[in-house]
Amino acid sequence: MADMNEAAWIEANVEVVENYLKKEFENFAIVHRANGSVKHTFTVNNGKKLFKLSIGWPILADRSFTPARIDRLLKENVAEEMRLHGEAGYHWTPSK
């Protein structure tokens, strides 16, 4: 992946996040919105419940933050944090 441009790198990371959310929130629709170079927001909604996850653009663009390392989402139980924060949303910053 070293030769990927920034947009392709971010898109690969976004895909991993979406796959994680699909697994954690079965039967929920997932919408991804990018806010320029500020943040990416993922909204999961099943018509009754809505949860949001925000990840800063610099995190997804960081070359050391590979799609393989996004397994931190699972280790840090991001889905549970999203459920706790509900519609207000959860802003995730991976631990070091």
PDB file of N, CA and C in Angstrom:
ATOM      1  N   MET A   1       0.812  -1.205   0.000  1.00  0.00           N
ATOM      2  CA  MET A   1       0.000   0.000   0.000  1.00  0.00           C
ATOM      3  C   MET A   1       0.852   1.263   0.000  1.00  0.00           C
ATOM      4  N   ALA A   2       2.131   1.137   0.068  1.00  0.00           N
ATOM      5  CA  ALA A   2       3.001   2.295   0.169  1.00  0.00           C
ATOM      6  C   ALA A   2       2.874   3.226  -1.021  1.00  0.00           C
ATOM      7  N   ASP A   3       2.495   2.709  -2.189  1.00  0.00           N
ATOM      8  CA  ASP A   3       2.399   3.555  -3.358  1.00  0.00           C
ATOM      9  C   ASP A   3       1.000   4.134  -3.574  1.00  0.00           C
ATOM     10  N   MET A   4       0.102   3.898  -2.676  1.00  0.00           N
ATOM     11  CA  MET A   4      -1.256   4.436  -2.798  1.00  0.00           C
ATOM     12  C   MET A   4      -1.247   5.939  -2.540  1.00  0.00           C
ATOM     13  N   ASN A   5      -2.075   6.675  -3.295  1.00  0.00           N
ATOM     14  CA  ASN A   5      -2.195   8.095  -3.001  1.00  0.00           C
ATOM     15  C   ASN A   5      -3.077   8.275  -1.758  1.00  0.00           C
ATOM     16  N   GLU A   6      -3.121   9.486  -1.257  1.00  0.00           N
ATOM     17  CA  GLU A   6      -3.827   9.740   0.000  1.00  0.00           C
ATOM     18  C   GLU A   6      -5.303   9.353  -0.061  1.00  0.00           C
ATOM     19  N   ALA A   7      -5.977   9.694  -1.149  1.00  0.00           N
ATOM     20  CA  ALA A   7      -7.407   9.382  -1.269  1.00  0.00           C
ATOM     21  C   ALA A   7      -7.637   7.874  -1.245  1.00  0.00           C
ATOM     22  N   ALA A   8      -6.799   7.124  -1.940  1.00  0.00           N
ATOM     23  CA  ALA A   8      -6.947   5.663  -1.960  1.00  0.00           C
ATOM     24  C   ALA A   8      -6.658   5.075  -0.589  1.00  0.00           C
ATOM     25  N   TRP A   9      -5.675   5.640   0.106  1.00  0.00           N
ATOM     26  CA  TRP A   9      -5.325   5.180   1.458  1.00  0.00           C
ATOM     27  C   TRP A   9      -6.513   5.379   2.399  1.00  0.00           C
ATOM     28  N   ILE A  10      -7.078   6.576   2.362  1.00  0.00           N
ATOM     29  CA  ILE A  10      -8.227   6.889   3.222  1.00  0.00           C
ATOM     30  C   ILE A  10      -9.399   5.980   2.866  1.00  0.00           C
ATOM     31  N   GLU A  11      -9.659   5.796   1.587  1.00  0.00           N
ATOM     32  CA  GLU A  11     -10.777   4.953   1.156  1.00  0.00           C
ATOM     33  C   GLU A  11     -10.612   3.518   1.648  1.00  0.00           C
ATOM     34  N   ALA A  12      -9.397   3.004   1.629  1.00  0.00           N
ATOM     35  CA  ALA A  12      -9.141   1.650   2.132  1.00  0.00           C
ATOM     36  C   ALA A  12      -9.448   1.574   3.622  1.00  0.00           C
ATOM     37  N   ASN A  13      -9.044   2.604   4.373  1.00  0.00           N
ATOM     38  CA  ASN A  13      -9.335   2.628   5.804  1.00  0.00           C
ATOM     39  C   ASN A  13     -10.834   2.782   6.067  1.00  0.00           C
ATOM     40  N   VAL A  14     -11.507   3.617   5.274  1.00  0.00           N
ATOM     41  CA  VAL A  14     -12.959   3.793   5.413  1.00  0.00           C
ATOM     42  C   VAL A  14     -13.665   2.454   5.186  1.00  0.00           C
ATOM     43  N   GLU A  15     -13.220   1.706   4.204  1.00  0.00           N
ATOM     44  CA  GLU A  15     -13.827   0.406   3.913  1.00  0.00           C
ATOM     45  C   GLU A  15     -13.693  -0.551   5.095  1.00  0.00           C
ATOM     46  N   VAL A  16     -12.546  -0.531   5.755  1.00  0.00           N
ATOM     47  CA  VAL A  16     -12.344  -1.403   6.922  1.00  0.00           C
ATOM     48  C   VAL A  16     -13.284  -0.978   8.053  1.00  0.00           C
ATOM     49  N   VAL A  17     -13.426   0.334   8.266  1.00  0.00           N
ATOM     50  CA  VAL A  17     -14.339   0.826   9.307  1.00  0.00           C
ATOM     51  C   VAL A  17     -15.768   0.394   8.985  1.00  0.00           C
ATOM     52  N   GLU A  18     -16.181   0.555   7.742  1.00  0.00           N
ATOM     53  CA  GLU A  18     -17.539   0.162   7.352  1.00  0.00           C
ATOM     54  C   GLU A  18     -17.763  -1.330   7.545  1.00  0.00           C
ATOM     55  N   ASN A  19     -16.780  -2.147   7.204  1.00  0.00           N
ATOM     56  CA  ASN A  19     -16.916  -3.594   7.402  1.00  0.00           C
ATOM     57  C   ASN A  19     -17.048  -3.938   8.883  1.00  0.00           C
ATOM     58  N   TYR A  20     -16.291  -3.252   9.723  1.00  0.00           N
ATOM     59  CA  TYR A  20     -16.399  -3.445  11.174  1.00  0.00           C
ATOM     60  C   TYR A  20     -17.823  -3.105  11.638  1.00  0.00           C
ATOM     61  N   LEU A  21     -18.334  -1.958  11.179  1.00  0.00           N
ATOM     62  CA  LEU A  21     -19.669  -1.532  11.603  1.00  0.00           C
ATOM     63  C   LEU A  21     -20.756  -2.485  11.102  1.00  0.00           C
ATOM     64  N   LYS A  22     -20.601  -2.998   9.886  1.00  0.00           N
ATOM     65  CA  LYS A  22     -21.576  -3.962   9.356  1.00  0.00           C
ATOM     66  C   LYS A  22     -21.642  -5.202  10.232  1.00  0.00           C
ATOM     67  N   LYS A  23     -20.491  -5.631  10.716  1.00  0.00           N
ATOM     68  CA  LYS A  23     -20.440  -6.819  11.563  1.00  0.00           C
ATOM     69  C   LYS A  23     -21.038  -6.536  12.947  1.00  0.00           C
ATOM     70  N   GLU A  24     -20.763  -5.358  13.492  1.00  0.00           N
ATOM     71  CA  GLU A  24     -21.222  -5.009  14.839  1.00  0.00           C
ATOM     72  C   GLU A  24     -22.690  -4.571  14.883  1.00  0.00           C
ATOM     73  N   PHE A  25     -23.180  -4.022  13.788  1.00  0.00           N
ATOM     74  CA  PHE A  25     -24.552  -3.505  13.733  1.00  0.00           C
ATOM     75  C   PHE A  25     -25.294  -4.177  12.578  1.00  0.00           C
ATOM     76  N   GLU A  26     -25.578  -5.459  12.749  1.00  0.00           N
ATOM     77  CA  GLU A  26     -26.294  -6.201  11.718  1.00  0.00           C
ATOM     78  C   GLU A  26     -27.682  -5.599  11.528  1.00  0.00           C
ATOM     79  N   ASN A  27     -28.137  -5.589  10.291  1.00  0.00           N
ATOM     80  CA  ASN A  27     -29.463  -5.065   9.925  1.00  0.00           C
ATOM     81  C   ASN A  27     -29.582  -3.562  10.117  1.00  0.00           C
ATOM     82  N   PHE A  28     -28.471  -2.855  10.180  1.00  0.00           N
ATOM     83  CA  PHE A  28     -28.469  -1.401  10.235  1.00  0.00           C
ATOM     84  C   PHE A  28     -27.950  -0.873   8.898  1.00  0.00           C
ATOM     85  N   ALA A  29     -28.515   0.234   8.443  1.00  0.00           N
ATOM     86  CA  ALA A  29     -27.972   0.920   7.272  1.00  0.00           C
ATOM     87  C   ALA A  29     -26.779   1.755   7.741  1.00  0.00           C
ATOM     88  N   ILE A  30     -25.756   1.824   6.920  1.00  0.00           N
ATOM     89  CA  ILE A  30     -24.559   2.591   7.265  1.00  0.00           C
ATOM     90  C   ILE A  30     -24.369   3.700   6.245  1.00  0.00           C
ATOM     91  N   VAL A  31     -24.215   4.919   6.744  1.00  0.00           N
ATOM     92  CA  VAL A  31     -23.962   6.063   5.881  1.00  0.00           C
ATOM     93  C   VAL A  31     -22.643   6.677   6.304  1.00  0.00           C
ATOM     94  N   HIS A  32     -21.788   6.911   5.323  1.00  0.00           N
ATOM     95  CA  HIS A  32     -20.480   7.528   5.569  1.00  0.00           C
ATOM     96  C   HIS A  32     -20.489   8.924   4.954  1.00  0.00           C
ATOM     97  N   ARG A  33     -20.042   9.896   5.741  1.00  0.00           N
ATOM     98  CA  ARG A  33     -19.951  11.273   5.252  1.00  0.00           C
ATOM     99  C   ARG A  33     -18.581  11.822   5.603  1.00  0.00           C
ATOM    100  N   ALA A  34     -17.891  12.356   4.617  1.00  0.00           N
ATOM    101  CA  ALA A  34     -16.591  12.979   4.844  1.00  0.00           C
ATOM    102  C   ALA A  34     -16.783  14.489   4.886  1.00  0.00           C
ATOM    103  N   ASN A  35     -16.205  15.115   5.907  1.00  0.00           N
ATOM    104  CA  ASN A  35     -16.269  16.563   6.063  1.00  0.00           C
ATOM    105  C   ASN A  35     -14.893  17.122   5.705  1.00  0.00           C
ATOM    106  N   GLY A  36     -14.620  17.145   4.416  1.00  0.00           N
ATOM    107  CA  GLY A  36     -13.340  17.667   3.932  1.00  0.00           C
ATOM    108  C   GLY A  36     -12.164  17.020   4.621  1.00  0.00           C
ATOM    109  N   SER A  37     -11.243  17.830   5.064  1.00  0.00           N
ATOM    110  CA  SER A  37     -10.053  17.308   5.738  1.00  0.00           C
ATOM    111  C   SER A  37     -10.168  17.446   7.250  1.00  0.00           C
ATOM    112  N   VAL A  38     -11.403  17.352   7.753  1.00  0.00           N
ATOM    113  CA  VAL A  38     -11.629  17.481   9.191  1.00  0.00           C
ATOM    114  C   VAL A  38     -11.945  16.135   9.829  1.00  0.00           C
ATOM    115  N   LYS A  39     -13.030  15.503   9.377  1.00  0.00           N
ATOM    116  CA  LYS A  39     -13.431  14.235   9.983  1.00  0.00           C
ATOM    117  C   LYS A  39     -14.302  13.429   9.037  1.00  0.00           C
ATOM    118  N   HIS A  40     -14.450  12.163   9.381  1.00  0.00           N
ATOM    119  CA  HIS A  40     -15.359  11.250   8.691  1.00  0.00           C
ATOM    120  C   HIS A  40     -16.392  10.811   9.722  1.00  0.00           C
ATOM    121  N   THR A  41     -17.650  10.852   9.330  1.00  0.00           N
ATOM    122  CA  THR A  41     -18.727  10.448  10.227  1.00  0.00           C
ATOM    123  C   THR A  41     -19.434   9.242   9.631  1.00  0.00           C
ATOM    124  N   PHE A  42     -19.606   8.225  10.463  1.00  0.00           N
ATOM    125  CA  PHE A  42     -20.307   7.007  10.077  1.00  0.00           C
ATOM    126  C   PHE A  42     -21.579   6.951  10.921  1.00  0.00           C
ATOM    127  N   THR A  43     -22.718   6.857  10.267  1.00  0.00           N
ATOM    128  CA  THR A  43     -23.998   6.774  10.962  1.00  0.00           C
ATOM    129  C   THR A  43     -24.610   5.415  10.687  1.00  0.00           C
ATOM    130  N   VAL A  44     -24.995   4.712  11.752  1.00  0.00           N
ATOM    131  CA  VAL A  44     -25.696   3.441  11.612  1.00  0.00           C
ATOM    132  C   VAL A  44     -27.120   3.640  12.126  1.00  0.00           C
ATOM    133  N   ASN A  45     -28.086   3.145  11.361  1.00  0.00           N
ATOM    134  CA  ASN A  45     -29.480   3.422  11.671  1.00  0.00           C
ATOM    135  C   ASN A  45     -30.334   2.238  11.225  1.00  0.00           C
ATOM    136  N   ASN A  46     -31.228   1.821  12.092  1.00  0.00           N
ATOM    137  CA  ASN A  46     -32.157   0.750  11.706  1.00  0.00           C
ATOM    138  C   ASN A  46     -33.610   1.225  11.724  1.00  0.00           C
ATOM    139  N   GLY A  47     -33.814   2.532  11.765  1.00  0.00           N
ATOM    140  CA  GLY A  47     -35.168   3.082  11.799  1.00  0.00           C
ATOM    141  C   GLY A  47     -35.682   3.307  13.209  1.00  0.00           C
ATOM    142  N   LYS A  48     -35.114   2.608  14.176  1.00  0.00           N
ATOM    143  CA  LYS A  48     -35.495   2.760  15.579  1.00  0.00           C
ATOM    144  C   LYS A  48     -34.352   3.345  16.396  1.00  0.00           C
ATOM    145  N   LYS A  49     -33.143   2.927  16.062  1.00  0.00           N
ATOM    146  CA  LYS A  49     -31.957   3.375  16.792  1.00  0.00           C
ATOM    147  C   LYS A  49     -30.945   3.953  15.819  1.00  0.00           C
ATOM    148  N   LEU A  50     -30.249   4.984  16.277  1.00  0.00           N
ATOM    149  CA  LEU A  50     -29.250   5.642  15.455  1.00  0.00           C
ATOM    150  C   LEU A  50     -28.003   5.874  16.299  1.00  0.00           C
ATOM    151  N   PHE A  51     -26.859   5.513  15.747  1.00  0.00           N
ATOM    152  CA  PHE A  51     -25.583   5.697  16.436  1.00  0.00           C
ATOM    153  C   PHE A  51     -24.596   6.325  15.461  1.00  0.00           C
ATOM    154  N   LYS A  52     -23.709   7.168  15.987  1.00  0.00           N
ATOM    155  CA  LYS A  52     -22.736   7.843  15.138  1.00  0.00           C
ATOM    156  C   LYS A  52     -21.319   7.612  15.645  1.00  0.00           C
ATOM    157  N   LEU A  53     -20.410   7.542  14.687  1.00  0.00           N
ATOM    158  CA  LEU A  53     -18.986   7.426  14.969  1.00  0.00           C
ATOM    159  C   LEU A  53     -18.263   8.463  14.138  1.00  0.00           C
ATOM    160  N   SER A  54     -17.425   9.270  14.794  1.00  0.00           N
ATOM    161  CA  SER A  54     -16.592  10.241  14.092  1.00  0.00           C
ATOM    162  C   SER A  54     -15.137   9.848  14.256  1.00  0.00           C
ATOM    163  N   ILE A  55     -14.415   9.896  13.140  1.00  0.00           N
ATOM    164  CA  ILE A  55     -12.984   9.632  13.155  1.00  0.00           C
ATOM    165  C   ILE A  55     -12.310  10.780  12.425  1.00  0.00           C
ATOM    166  N   GLY A  56     -11.345  11.390  13.061  1.00  0.00           N
ATOM    167  CA  GLY A  56     -10.640  12.511  12.459  1.00  0.00           C
ATOM    168  C   GLY A  56      -9.950  12.125  11.160  1.00  0.00           C
ATOM    169  N   TRP A  57     -10.022  13.021  10.186  1.00  0.00           N
ATOM    170  CA  TRP A  57      -9.379  12.791   8.904  1.00  0.00           C
ATOM    171  C   TRP A  57      -7.899  12.448   9.063  1.00  0.00           C
ATOM    172  N   PRO A  58      -7.154  13.143   9.947  1.00  0.00           N
ATOM    173  CA  PRO A  58      -5.732  12.809  10.085  1.00  0.00           C
ATOM    174  C   PRO A  58      -5.486  11.352  10.505  1.00  0.00           C
ATOM    175  N   ILE A  59      -6.409  10.758  11.253  1.00  0.00           N
ATOM    176  CA  ILE A  59      -6.241   9.362  11.667  1.00  0.00           C
ATOM    177  C   ILE A  59      -6.339   8.449  10.453  1.00  0.00           C
ATOM    178  N   LEU A  60      -7.355   8.661   9.627  1.00  0.00           N
ATOM    179  CA  LEU A  60      -7.538   7.810   8.458  1.00  0.00           C
ATOM    180  C   LEU A  60      -6.471   8.050   7.392  1.00  0.00           C
ATOM    181  N   ALA A  61      -5.875   9.235   7.381  1.00  0.00           N
ATOM    182  CA  ALA A  61      -4.845   9.563   6.391  1.00  0.00           C
ATOM    183  C   ALA A  61      -3.445   9.165   6.850  1.00  0.00           C
ATOM    184  N   ASP A  62      -3.281   8.876   8.126  1.00  0.00           N
ATOM    185  CA  ASP A  62      -1.976   8.537   8.690  1.00  0.00           C
ATOM    186  C   ASP A  62      -1.469   7.230   8.078  1.00  0.00           C
ATOM    187  N   ARG A  63      -0.300   7.286   7.454  1.00  0.00           N
ATOM    188  CA  ARG A  63       0.259   6.108   6.781  1.00  0.00           C
ATOM    189  C   ARG A  63       0.615   4.986   7.756  1.00  0.00           C
ATOM    190  N   SER A  64       0.833   5.323   9.011  1.00  0.00           N
ATOM    191  CA  SER A  64       1.141   4.271   9.984  1.00  0.00           C
ATOM    192  C   SER A  64      -0.135   3.583  10.477  1.00  0.00           C
ATOM    193  N   PHE A  65      -1.271   4.185  10.160  1.00  0.00           N
ATOM    194  CA  PHE A  65      -2.561   3.629  10.563  1.00  0.00           C
ATOM    195  C   PHE A  65      -3.111   2.799   9.406  1.00  0.00           C
ATOM    196  N   THR A  66      -2.615   1.602   9.281  1.00  0.00           N
ATOM    197  CA  THR A  66      -2.983   0.726   8.171  1.00  0.00           C
ATOM    198  C   THR A  66      -4.340   0.077   8.410  1.00  0.00           C
ATOM    199  N   PRO A  67      -4.988  -0.377   7.346  1.00  0.00           N
ATOM    200  CA  PRO A  67      -6.254  -1.094   7.548  1.00  0.00           C
ATOM    201  C   PRO A  67      -6.101  -2.271   8.509  1.00  0.00           C
ATOM    202  N   ALA A  68      -4.958  -2.923   8.511  1.00  0.00           N
ATOM    203  CA  ALA A  68      -4.744  -4.034   9.441  1.00  0.00           C
ATOM    204  C   ALA A  68      -4.740  -3.554  10.888  1.00  0.00           C
ATOM    205  N   ARG A  69      -4.287  -2.335  11.122  1.00  0.00           N
ATOM    206  CA  ARG A  69      -4.245  -1.807  12.487  1.00  0.00           C
ATOM    207  C   ARG A  69      -5.597  -1.269  12.955  1.00  0.00           C
ATOM    208  N   ILE A  70      -6.547  -1.171  12.079  1.00  0.00           N
ATOM    209  CA  ILE A  70      -7.869  -0.689  12.480  1.00  0.00           C
ATOM    210  C   ILE A  70      -8.577  -1.723  13.350  1.00  0.00           C
ATOM    211  N   ASP A  71      -7.933  -2.881  13.548  1.00  0.00           N
ATOM    212  CA  ASP A  71      -8.513  -3.859  14.466  1.00  0.00           C
ATOM    213  C   ASP A  71      -8.633  -3.272  15.861  1.00  0.00           C
ATOM    214  N   ARG A  72      -8.036  -2.117  16.070  1.00  0.00           N
ATOM    215  CA  ARG A  72      -8.204  -1.422  17.353  1.00  0.00           C
ATOM    216  C   ARG A  72      -9.662  -1.095  17.614  1.00  0.00           C
ATOM    217  N   LEU A  73     -10.458  -0.928  16.558  1.00  0.00           N
ATOM    218  CA  LEU A  73     -11.886  -0.671  16.734  1.00  0.00           C
ATOM    219  C   LEU A  73     -12.505  -1.756  17.601  1.00  0.00           C
ATOM    220  N   LEU A  74     -12.138  -2.991  17.315  1.00  0.00           N
ATOM    221  CA  LEU A  74     -12.668  -4.122  18.075  1.00  0.00           C
ATOM    222  C   LEU A  74     -12.060  -4.163  19.468  1.00  0.00           C
ATOM    223  N   LYS A  75     -10.747  -4.024  19.546  1.00  0.00           N
ATOM    224  CA  LYS A  75     -10.066  -4.099  20.843  1.00  0.00           C
ATOM    225  C   LYS A  75     -10.514  -3.007  21.795  1.00  0.00           C
ATOM    226  N   GLU A  76     -10.821  -1.838  21.261  1.00  0.00           N
ATOM    227  CA  GLU A  76     -11.250  -0.723  22.110  1.00  0.00           C
ATOM    228  C   GLU A  76     -12.772  -0.659  22.237  1.00  0.00           C
ATOM    229  N   ASN A  77     -13.448  -1.679  21.716  1.00  0.00           N
ATOM    230  CA  ASN A  77     -14.898  -1.812  21.838  1.00  0.00           C
ATOM    231  C   ASN A  77     -15.644  -0.543  21.409  1.00  0.00           C
ATOM    232  N   VAL A  78     -15.295  -0.068  20.225  1.00  0.00           N
ATOM    233  CA  VAL A  78     -15.880   1.161  19.696  1.00  0.00           C
ATOM    234  C   VAL A  78     -17.391   1.040  19.525  1.00  0.00           C
ATOM    235  N   ALA A  79     -17.874  -0.107  19.089  1.00  0.00           N
ATOM    236  CA  ALA A  79     -19.323  -0.277  18.904  1.00  0.00           C
ATOM    237  C   ALA A  79     -20.072  -0.062  20.215  1.00  0.00           C
ATOM    238  N   GLU A  80     -19.524  -0.571  21.305  1.00  0.00           N
ATOM    239  CA  GLU A  80     -20.178  -0.376  22.603  1.00  0.00           C
ATOM    240  C   GLU A  80     -20.170   1.104  22.995  1.00  0.00           C
ATOM    241  N   GLU A  81     -19.066   1.781  22.740  1.00  0.00           N
ATOM    242  CA  GLU A  81     -19.002   3.226  23.018  1.00  0.00           C
ATOM    243  C   GLU A  81     -20.043   3.973  22.182  1.00  0.00           C
ATOM    244  N   MET A  82     -20.213   3.567  20.926  1.00  0.00           N
ATOM    245  CA  MET A  82     -21.229   4.194  20.079  1.00  0.00           C
ATOM    246  C   MET A  82     -22.612   4.001  20.681  1.00  0.00           C
ATOM    247  N   ARG A  83     -22.879   2.809  21.175  1.00  0.00           N
ATOM    248  CA  ARG A  83     -24.186   2.541  21.790  1.00  0.00           C
ATOM    249  C   ARG A  83     -24.390   3.404  23.036  1.00  0.00           C
ATOM    250  N   LEU A  84     -23.344   3.573  23.811  1.00  0.00           N
ATOM    251  CA  LEU A  84     -23.439   4.389  25.025  1.00  0.00           C
ATOM    252  C   LEU A  84     -23.680   5.860  24.714  1.00  0.00           C
ATOM    253  N   HIS A  85     -23.056   6.364  23.655  1.00  0.00           N
ATOM    254  CA  HIS A  85     -23.178   7.784  23.306  1.00  0.00           C
ATOM    255  C   HIS A  85     -24.394   8.085  22.435  1.00  0.00           C
ATOM    256  N   GLY A  86     -24.948   7.058  21.800  1.00  0.00           N
ATOM    257  CA  GLY A  86     -26.172   7.207  21.012  1.00  0.00           C
ATOM    258  C   GLY A  86     -26.073   8.236  19.907  1.00  0.00           C
ATOM    259  N   GLU A  87     -27.162   8.982  19.730  1.00  0.00           N
ATOM    260  CA  GLU A  87     -27.243   9.960  18.655  1.00  0.00           C
ATOM    261  C   GLU A  87     -26.255  11.101  18.816  1.00  0.00           C
ATOM    262  N   ALA A  88     -25.803  11.338  20.027  1.00  0.00           N
ATOM    263  CA  ALA A  88     -24.815  12.400  20.254  1.00  0.00           C
ATOM    264  C   ALA A  88     -23.506  12.075  19.550  1.00  0.00           C
ATOM    265  N   GLY A  89     -23.268  10.790  19.323  1.00  0.00           N
ATOM    266  CA  GLY A  89     -22.082  10.360  18.609  1.00  0.00           C
ATOM    267  C   GLY A  89     -20.884  10.131  19.489  1.00  0.00           C
ATOM    268  N   TYR A  90     -19.992   9.318  18.969  1.00  0.00           N
ATOM    269  CA  TYR A  90     -18.761   8.980  19.663  1.00  0.00           C
ATOM    270  C   TYR A  90     -17.591   9.362  18.765  1.00  0.00           C
ATOM    271  N   HIS A  91     -16.687  10.164  19.286  1.00  0.00           N
ATOM    272  CA  HIS A  91     -15.500  10.558  18.532  1.00  0.00           C
ATOM    273  C   HIS A  91     -14.357   9.637  18.970  1.00  0.00           C
ATOM    274  N   TRP A  92     -13.882   8.812  18.040  1.00  0.00           N
ATOM    275  CA  TRP A  92     -12.858   7.832  18.356  1.00  0.00           C
ATOM    276  C   TRP A  92     -11.477   8.330  17.997  1.00  0.00           C
ATOM    277  N   THR A  93     -10.602   8.258  18.970  1.00  0.00           N
ATOM    278  CA  THR A  93      -9.178   8.502  18.764  1.00  0.00           C
ATOM    279  C   THR A  93      -8.483   7.253  19.280  1.00  0.00           C
ATOM    280  N   PRO A  94      -7.787   6.546  18.400  1.00  0.00           N
ATOM    281  CA  PRO A  94      -7.159   5.297  18.842  1.00  0.00           C
ATOM    282  C   PRO A  94      -6.102   5.529  19.926  1.00  0.00           C
ATOM    283  N   SER A  95      -6.040   4.604  20.861  1.00  0.00           N
ATOM    284  CA  SER A  95      -5.021   4.704  21.891  1.00  0.00           C
ATOM    285  C   SER A  95      -3.663   4.398  21.267  1.00  0.00           C
ATOM    286  N   LYS A  96      -2.653   4.872  21.871  1.00  0.00           N
ATOM    287  CA  LYS A  96      -1.292   4.681  21.334  1.00  0.00           C
ATOM    288  C   LYS A  96      -0.748   3.330  21.699  1.00  0.00           C
TER     289      LYS A  96
END
